[in-house]
Structures are given as C-alpha cells and as structure tokens.
N, C-alpha and C. Protein backbone atom coordinates (compact mmCIF):
# COMPACT_ATOMS: atom_id res chain seq x y z
N MET A 1 31.66 -9.30 -0.91
CA MET A 1 29.91 -8.50 -0.73
C MET A 1 29.99 -7.20 -0.98
N ASN A 2 28.77 -6.61 -1.26
CA ASN A 2 28.57 -5.32 -2.39
C ASN A 2 28.10 -4.11 -1.21
N GLY A 3 28.87 -4.05 0.12
CA GLY A 3 28.26 -2.82 0.76
C GLY A 3 27.65 -3.46 2.37
N PRO A 4 27.26 -2.84 3.17
CA PRO A 4 26.91 -3.28 4.35
C PRO A 4 26.12 -4.52 4.59
N LEU A 5 24.97 -5.21 3.53
CA LEU A 5 23.80 -5.53 3.89
C LEU A 5 24.63 -7.30 2.56
N GLY A 6 25.97 -7.22 2.62
CA GLY A 6 26.00 -8.08 1.79
C GLY A 6 25.49 -8.62 0.24
N GLY A 7 25.29 -7.48 -0.65
CA GLY A 7 24.74 -7.78 -1.82
C GLY A 7 23.57 -6.94 -1.89
N VAL A 8 22.26 -7.25 -0.98
CA VAL A 8 21.24 -7.20 -0.59
C VAL A 8 21.09 -4.99 -1.24
N PRO A 9 20.43 -5.32 -1.89
CA PRO A 9 20.26 -3.59 -2.45
C PRO A 9 19.36 -2.78 -1.67
N PRO A 10 19.43 -1.59 -1.46
CA PRO A 10 18.92 -0.54 -0.42
C PRO A 10 17.39 -1.14 -0.49
N ALA A 11 16.73 -0.49 0.85
CA ALA A 11 15.05 -0.45 0.30
C ALA A 11 14.52 0.19 -0.96
N GLU A 12 15.03 1.39 -1.36
CA GLU A 12 14.82 2.51 -2.09
C GLU A 12 14.83 1.66 -3.57
N GLN A 13 15.88 0.68 -3.89
CA GLN A 13 15.53 -0.19 -4.69
C GLN A 13 14.29 -1.22 -4.93
N LEU A 14 14.25 -1.86 -3.81
CA LEU A 14 13.24 -2.45 -3.82
C LEU A 14 11.55 -1.91 -3.75
N MET A 15 11.71 -1.26 -3.44
CA MET A 15 10.45 -0.67 -3.25
C MET A 15 10.19 0.68 -3.88
N THR A 16 9.64 1.01 -4.67
CA THR A 16 9.41 3.14 -4.89
C THR A 16 7.61 3.11 -4.72
N ILE A 17 7.59 4.37 -4.22
CA ILE A 17 6.09 4.86 -3.88
C ILE A 17 6.31 6.25 -4.54
N GLU A 18 5.15 6.32 -5.68
CA GLU A 18 5.17 7.78 -6.65
C GLU A 18 3.55 8.04 -5.74
N ARG A 19 3.71 9.55 -5.79
CA ARG A 19 2.12 9.77 -4.96
C ARG A 19 1.61 10.55 -5.91
N ASP A 20 0.04 10.94 -6.35
CA ASP A 20 -0.40 11.77 -7.36
C ASP A 20 -1.54 12.20 -6.43
N ASP A 21 -2.49 13.14 -6.84
CA ASP A 21 -3.42 13.62 -6.46
C ASP A 21 -4.82 13.53 -7.51
N ARG A 22 -5.61 12.86 -7.50
CA ARG A 22 -6.54 12.28 -8.78
C ARG A 22 -7.89 12.25 -8.44
N ASN A 23 -8.76 13.27 -8.79
CA ASN A 23 -9.75 13.45 -8.83
C ASN A 23 -10.48 13.15 -7.31
N GLY A 24 -9.54 14.15 -6.64
CA GLY A 24 -9.82 14.35 -5.29
C GLY A 24 -9.74 13.38 -3.88
N CYS A 25 -8.64 12.58 -4.77
CA CYS A 25 -8.04 11.21 -3.92
C CYS A 25 -6.53 11.72 -4.12
N LEU A 26 -6.33 11.76 -2.78
CA LEU A 26 -4.20 10.90 -2.55
C LEU A 26 -4.30 9.53 -3.19
N VAL A 27 -3.19 9.60 -4.21
CA VAL A 27 -2.94 8.04 -4.67
C VAL A 27 -1.52 7.82 -4.20
N LEU A 28 -1.38 6.59 -3.89
CA LEU A 28 0.21 5.98 -3.63
C LEU A 28 0.75 4.99 -4.58
N VAL A 29 1.16 5.23 -5.56
CA VAL A 29 1.56 4.02 -6.68
C VAL A 29 2.58 3.07 -5.77
N VAL A 30 2.57 1.82 -5.79
CA VAL A 30 3.49 1.12 -5.12
C VAL A 30 4.24 0.39 -5.88
N ARG A 31 5.57 0.11 -5.94
CA ARG A 31 6.06 -0.68 -7.03
C ARG A 31 7.23 -1.59 -6.57
N GLY A 32 7.34 -2.99 -6.77
CA GLY A 32 8.48 -3.71 -5.77
C GLY A 32 7.60 -4.57 -4.86
N GLU A 33 8.22 -4.53 -4.11
CA GLU A 33 8.76 -5.69 -2.53
C GLU A 33 7.58 -4.53 -1.33
N VAL A 34 7.08 -5.12 -0.87
CA VAL A 34 6.39 -4.67 0.37
C VAL A 34 6.72 -5.83 1.72
N ASP A 35 7.90 -5.83 2.38
CA ASP A 35 8.36 -6.54 3.51
C ASP A 35 9.07 -5.66 4.48
N LEU A 36 9.44 -6.24 5.40
CA LEU A 36 10.17 -5.79 6.41
C LEU A 36 11.02 -4.62 6.25
N SER A 37 11.78 -4.81 5.57
CA SER A 37 13.11 -3.82 5.02
C SER A 37 12.03 -2.54 4.32
N THR A 38 11.16 -2.88 3.76
CA THR A 38 10.37 -1.65 3.35
C THR A 38 9.08 -0.72 3.69
N GLY A 39 8.89 -1.88 4.57
CA GLY A 39 7.74 -1.42 5.48
C GLY A 39 7.18 -0.12 5.72
N GLY A 40 8.40 0.25 6.62
CA GLY A 40 8.82 1.43 6.96
C GLY A 40 8.29 2.65 6.26
N ARG A 41 8.85 2.73 5.17
CA ARG A 41 8.75 3.94 4.43
C ARG A 41 7.64 3.68 3.75
N LEU A 42 6.46 2.85 3.29
CA LEU A 42 5.54 2.93 3.21
C LEU A 42 4.44 3.18 4.05
N MET A 43 4.55 2.68 5.56
CA MET A 43 4.03 3.24 6.76
C MET A 43 4.35 4.52 6.77
N GLU A 44 5.21 5.21 6.61
CA GLU A 44 5.23 6.70 6.10
C GLU A 44 4.59 7.71 5.55
N ALA A 45 4.79 7.08 4.19
CA ALA A 45 4.48 7.56 2.98
C ALA A 45 2.66 7.63 3.42
N GLY A 46 2.10 6.47 3.70
CA GLY A 46 0.72 6.24 3.87
C GLY A 46 0.16 6.88 4.80
N ASN A 47 0.95 6.90 6.08
CA ASN A 47 0.55 7.95 7.59
C ASN A 47 0.33 9.74 6.69
N GLU A 48 1.76 9.84 5.97
CA GLU A 48 1.70 11.40 5.86
C GLU A 48 0.10 11.60 4.79
N ALA A 49 -0.20 10.58 4.00
CA ALA A 49 -1.00 11.00 3.21
C ALA A 49 -2.49 10.94 3.58
N LEU A 50 -2.54 10.08 4.44
CA LEU A 50 -3.93 9.96 5.82
C LEU A 50 -4.15 11.57 5.91
N HIS A 51 -2.83 12.11 7.00
CA HIS A 51 -3.17 12.87 8.18
C HIS A 51 -3.43 14.29 6.42
N GLU A 52 -2.87 14.37 5.56
CA GLU A 52 -2.97 15.50 4.75
C GLU A 52 -4.31 15.29 4.14
N SER A 53 -5.06 13.84 4.23
CA SER A 53 -5.96 14.25 2.85
C SER A 53 -7.31 14.89 3.21
N ALA A 54 -7.40 15.26 4.59
CA ALA A 54 -8.23 16.56 4.86
C ALA A 54 -9.76 15.43 4.71
N GLN A 55 -10.03 14.35 5.25
CA GLN A 55 -10.89 13.57 5.33
C GLN A 55 -11.00 12.77 3.80
N ARG A 56 -10.60 13.13 2.94
CA ARG A 56 -10.82 12.87 1.29
C ARG A 56 -10.19 10.90 1.64
N PRO A 57 -10.60 10.26 0.66
CA PRO A 57 -9.72 8.76 0.50
C PRO A 57 -8.38 8.70 -0.08
N VAL A 58 -7.69 8.19 0.60
CA VAL A 58 -6.38 7.87 0.07
C VAL A 58 -6.06 6.19 -0.55
N ILE A 59 -5.91 6.36 -1.69
CA ILE A 59 -6.00 5.28 -2.49
C ILE A 59 -4.30 4.77 -2.36
N LEU A 60 -4.07 3.37 -2.35
CA LEU A 60 -2.77 2.80 -2.22
C LEU A 60 -3.11 1.80 -3.46
N ASP A 61 -2.62 2.06 -4.49
CA ASP A 61 -2.29 1.11 -5.24
C ASP A 61 -1.02 0.40 -5.56
N LEU A 62 -1.80 -1.42 -5.04
CA LEU A 62 -0.61 -2.32 -5.19
C LEU A 62 -0.57 -3.15 -6.65
N THR A 63 -1.10 -2.48 -7.63
CA THR A 63 -0.62 -3.69 -8.70
C THR A 63 0.04 -3.42 -9.14
N LYS A 64 1.45 -2.96 -9.05
CA LYS A 64 2.86 -3.57 -9.42
C LYS A 64 3.61 -4.00 -8.48
N VAL A 65 3.02 -4.37 -7.14
CA VAL A 65 3.86 -5.01 -6.48
C VAL A 65 4.13 -6.61 -6.45
N ASP A 66 4.89 -7.11 -6.32
CA ASP A 66 5.65 -8.33 -6.58
C ASP A 66 5.76 -9.19 -5.25
N PHE A 67 5.97 -8.53 -4.34
CA PHE A 67 5.66 -9.30 -3.23
C PHE A 67 5.23 -8.58 -1.67
N LEU A 68 4.18 -9.50 -1.00
CA LEU A 68 3.33 -8.67 -0.06
C LEU A 68 4.07 -9.65 0.91
N SER A 69 4.41 -9.46 2.25
CA SER A 69 4.57 -10.14 2.92
C SER A 69 3.72 -9.76 4.38
N SER A 70 4.43 -10.87 5.39
CA SER A 70 3.08 -10.64 6.50
C SER A 70 3.07 -9.58 7.41
N SER A 71 4.73 -8.96 7.27
CA SER A 71 4.45 -7.66 7.90
C SER A 71 3.33 -6.12 7.07
N GLY A 72 3.90 -7.05 5.46
CA GLY A 72 3.02 -5.56 4.64
C GLY A 72 1.61 -5.99 5.10
N LEU A 73 1.68 -7.22 5.64
CA LEU A 73 -0.33 -7.33 5.40
C LEU A 73 -0.27 -6.50 7.14
N GLY A 74 0.35 -6.67 7.93
CA GLY A 74 0.24 -6.15 9.08
C GLY A 74 -0.07 -4.33 9.02
N LEU A 75 0.93 -3.90 7.98
CA LEU A 75 0.71 -2.35 7.70
C LEU A 75 -0.20 -2.19 6.98
N LEU A 76 -1.06 -3.07 6.18
CA LEU A 76 -2.22 -2.57 5.47
C LEU A 76 -3.48 -2.15 6.39
N VAL A 77 -3.29 -3.37 7.41
CA VAL A 77 -4.50 -3.39 8.58
C VAL A 77 -4.17 -1.86 9.15
N ALA A 78 -2.70 -1.78 9.66
CA ALA A 78 -2.72 -0.42 10.39
C ALA A 78 -3.21 0.47 9.89
N LEU A 79 -2.48 1.04 8.18
CA LEU A 79 -3.15 2.16 7.58
C LEU A 79 -4.53 2.14 7.55
N HIS A 80 -5.22 0.79 7.03
CA HIS A 80 -6.71 0.90 6.89
C HIS A 80 -7.58 1.74 8.47
N ASP A 81 -6.88 1.12 9.75
CA ASP A 81 -7.10 1.43 11.04
C ASP A 81 -6.73 2.98 11.13
N ASP A 82 -5.78 3.48 10.95
CA ASP A 82 -5.25 4.98 11.26
C ASP A 82 -6.72 6.14 10.19
N GLY A 83 -7.01 5.13 9.13
CA GLY A 83 -7.98 6.02 7.91
C GLY A 83 -9.15 6.00 8.61
N ARG A 84 -9.46 5.17 9.28
CA ARG A 84 -10.79 5.28 9.88
C ARG A 84 -10.91 5.90 10.86
N GLU A 85 -9.64 6.02 12.11
CA GLU A 85 -9.55 7.05 13.05
C GLU A 85 -9.48 8.43 12.47
N LEU A 86 -9.30 8.59 11.59
CA LEU A 86 -8.65 10.03 10.86
C LEU A 86 -9.97 10.70 9.84
N GLY A 87 -10.82 9.64 9.35
CA GLY A 87 -11.87 9.94 8.46
C GLY A 87 -11.42 10.24 7.41
N ALA A 88 -10.13 9.11 6.85
CA ALA A 88 -9.72 9.43 5.78
C ALA A 88 -9.88 7.79 4.88
N PRO A 89 -11.07 7.63 4.56
CA PRO A 89 -10.51 6.05 3.95
C PRO A 89 -9.23 5.65 2.87
N LEU A 90 -9.08 4.36 3.32
CA LEU A 90 -8.21 3.39 2.95
C LEU A 90 -8.90 2.67 1.74
N ARG A 91 -8.32 3.04 0.57
CA ARG A 91 -8.87 2.20 -0.51
C ARG A 91 -7.67 1.64 -1.25
N VAL A 92 -7.95 0.31 -1.34
CA VAL A 92 -6.52 -0.35 -1.55
C VAL A 92 -7.03 -1.28 -2.94
N VAL A 93 -5.82 -1.23 -4.07
CA VAL A 93 -6.27 -1.74 -5.39
C VAL A 93 -5.28 -2.68 -5.69
N VAL A 94 -5.48 -4.00 -6.16
CA VAL A 94 -4.75 -5.07 -6.06
C VAL A 94 -5.69 -5.77 -7.40
N ASP A 95 -4.73 -6.19 -7.90
CA ASP A 95 -5.43 -7.11 -9.31
C ASP A 95 -5.03 -8.06 -8.49
N PRO A 96 -6.41 -8.87 -8.92
CA PRO A 96 -6.44 -10.63 -8.54
C PRO A 96 -6.09 -11.37 -9.18
N THR A 97 -5.31 -11.19 -10.23
CA THR A 97 -4.78 -12.18 -11.35
C THR A 97 -3.09 -11.98 -11.16
N ARG A 98 -2.61 -11.35 -9.83
CA ARG A 98 -1.17 -11.08 -9.42
C ARG A 98 -1.27 -11.58 -8.17
N PRO A 99 0.28 -12.35 -7.79
CA PRO A 99 0.76 -13.25 -6.24
C PRO A 99 -0.04 -12.51 -4.94
N VAL A 100 -0.10 -11.36 -5.12
CA VAL A 100 -0.35 -10.18 -4.03
C VAL A 100 -1.70 -10.57 -3.72
N ILE A 101 -2.49 -10.67 -4.06
CA ILE A 101 -4.06 -10.94 -3.75
C ILE A 101 -4.07 -12.31 -2.64
N ARG A 102 -3.16 -13.59 -2.72
CA ARG A 102 -3.10 -14.31 -2.26
C ARG A 102 -3.00 -14.20 -0.63
N PRO A 103 -2.04 -13.47 -0.01
CA PRO A 103 -1.59 -13.19 1.18
C PRO A 103 -2.94 -12.43 2.26
N ILE A 104 -3.50 -11.66 1.30
CA ILE A 104 -4.64 -11.18 1.67
C ILE A 104 -5.42 -12.00 1.70
N ARG A 105 -6.00 -12.42 0.48
CA ARG A 105 -6.99 -13.51 1.25
C ARG A 105 -6.94 -14.62 2.13
N THR A 106 -5.74 -15.21 1.97
CA THR A 106 -5.59 -16.14 2.61
C THR A 106 -5.77 -15.65 4.57
N MET A 107 -5.37 -14.85 4.84
CA MET A 107 -5.49 -13.83 5.79
C MET A 107 -7.26 -13.28 6.67
N GLY A 108 -7.81 -13.32 5.29
CA GLY A 108 -8.98 -12.92 5.30
C GLY A 108 -8.98 -11.68 5.49
N LEU A 109 -8.38 -10.89 5.01
CA LEU A 109 -8.17 -8.73 5.16
C LEU A 109 -8.52 -8.86 3.63
N ASP A 110 -9.63 -9.78 2.49
CA ASP A 110 -10.49 -9.09 1.94
C ASP A 110 -11.84 -8.54 2.39
N GLU A 111 -11.93 -9.47 3.45
CA GLU A 111 -12.93 -8.96 4.54
C GLU A 111 -13.00 -7.53 5.19
N VAL A 112 -12.22 -6.88 5.35
CA VAL A 112 -11.42 -6.06 6.44
C VAL A 112 -11.24 -4.80 5.20
N LEU A 113 -10.85 -4.84 4.48
CA LEU A 113 -10.10 -3.90 3.42
C LEU A 113 -11.01 -3.46 2.29
N SER A 114 -11.08 -2.45 2.24
CA SER A 114 -11.62 -2.00 0.95
C SER A 114 -10.64 -2.36 -0.61
N LEU A 115 -10.88 -3.14 -0.87
CA LEU A 115 -10.09 -3.58 -2.54
C LEU A 115 -10.97 -3.11 -3.40
N TYR A 116 -10.32 -3.01 -4.41
CA TYR A 116 -11.06 -2.52 -5.97
C TYR A 116 -9.73 -3.27 -6.48
N ARG A 117 -9.79 -3.51 -7.93
CA ARG A 117 -9.41 -4.04 -8.83
C ARG A 117 -8.58 -3.13 -9.58
N THR A 118 -9.10 -2.23 -10.24
CA THR A 118 -8.59 -1.46 -10.79
C THR A 118 -8.41 0.39 -10.06
N LEU A 119 -7.14 1.21 -10.45
CA LEU A 119 -7.64 2.30 -9.98
C LEU A 119 -8.53 3.33 -10.55
N ASP A 120 -9.19 3.21 -11.47
CA ASP A 120 -10.43 3.56 -12.12
C ASP A 120 -11.81 3.32 -11.10
N GLU A 121 -11.80 1.99 -10.63
CA GLU A 121 -12.71 1.57 -9.81
C GLU A 121 -12.65 2.60 -8.13
N ALA A 122 -11.39 2.22 -8.11
CA ALA A 122 -10.99 3.06 -6.54
C ALA A 122 -11.27 4.66 -6.53
N LEU A 123 -11.03 5.31 -7.86
CA LEU A 123 -11.45 6.80 -7.90
C LEU A 123 -12.97 7.00 -7.64
N ALA A 124 -13.47 5.75 -8.57
CA ALA A 124 -15.18 6.24 -9.01
C ALA A 124 -16.01 5.75 -7.53
N ALA A 125 -15.18 5.07 -6.90
CA ALA A 125 -16.12 4.46 -5.50
C ALA A 125 -16.59 5.93 -4.55
C-alpha cells in the first residue's frame, strides 16, 4: 500500500483547477477527474468564484476533464443554481467530442446548463 488510501493518488493529483480573469469573466479551467473525491474542491472553487464575480459570468472550462461522475453532475447543477441566485451566470465549456458530454446529455443537463463548445464562445456570449 502507498499511504492511507491504498495507492489511490491524492485528490490534488486527480484534479487541478486553474483560475484566470479574462474579458471580464472569471474562468476556472479544470483538468482530470470530477467525482466524489474531487468534487468538494471544485464546489469550493466554484462558489468562491461566483461570490467574487460581482455578477460577472463565471466560466467553468471542462474541456480537459477526463471523467465526470454523477456526483460531478450534481455539483454542476448546484453551481448553476448558486450562480442564478447570485446573479452571476455560470457558463460551462465542454468539448462535444470528449466523453464528458455524454453524462451531461444523458441526464438532460444540456437543457439546464449554459453549454459552450469553446472558451472563446463562452467569453463572447
């Protein structure tokens, strides 16, 4: 065993979040896996960005995400709802050719979330 989780890498290695301020929007670029073990970090970063945005859009770029679990889907809905309450619209960037789009479409969240194909599209919206 490699540590307390039996060889499972720490959440910081499974998912990284980079934050940027571009064209008047707060952008969170997520890489790796969004699941039960990493979702708390993404929820915290997303909520922080929504509260700091001063009603500017917050863009969640998931184009570098390899895996999105059901708990990750719930997190996206929660951030979307929080953004609506705060007047800070959440824009989600997903590459339609990557596997992450499948669970979003399967659960009908493509009808709920504001989805964009590229970061440039989300910034221009």
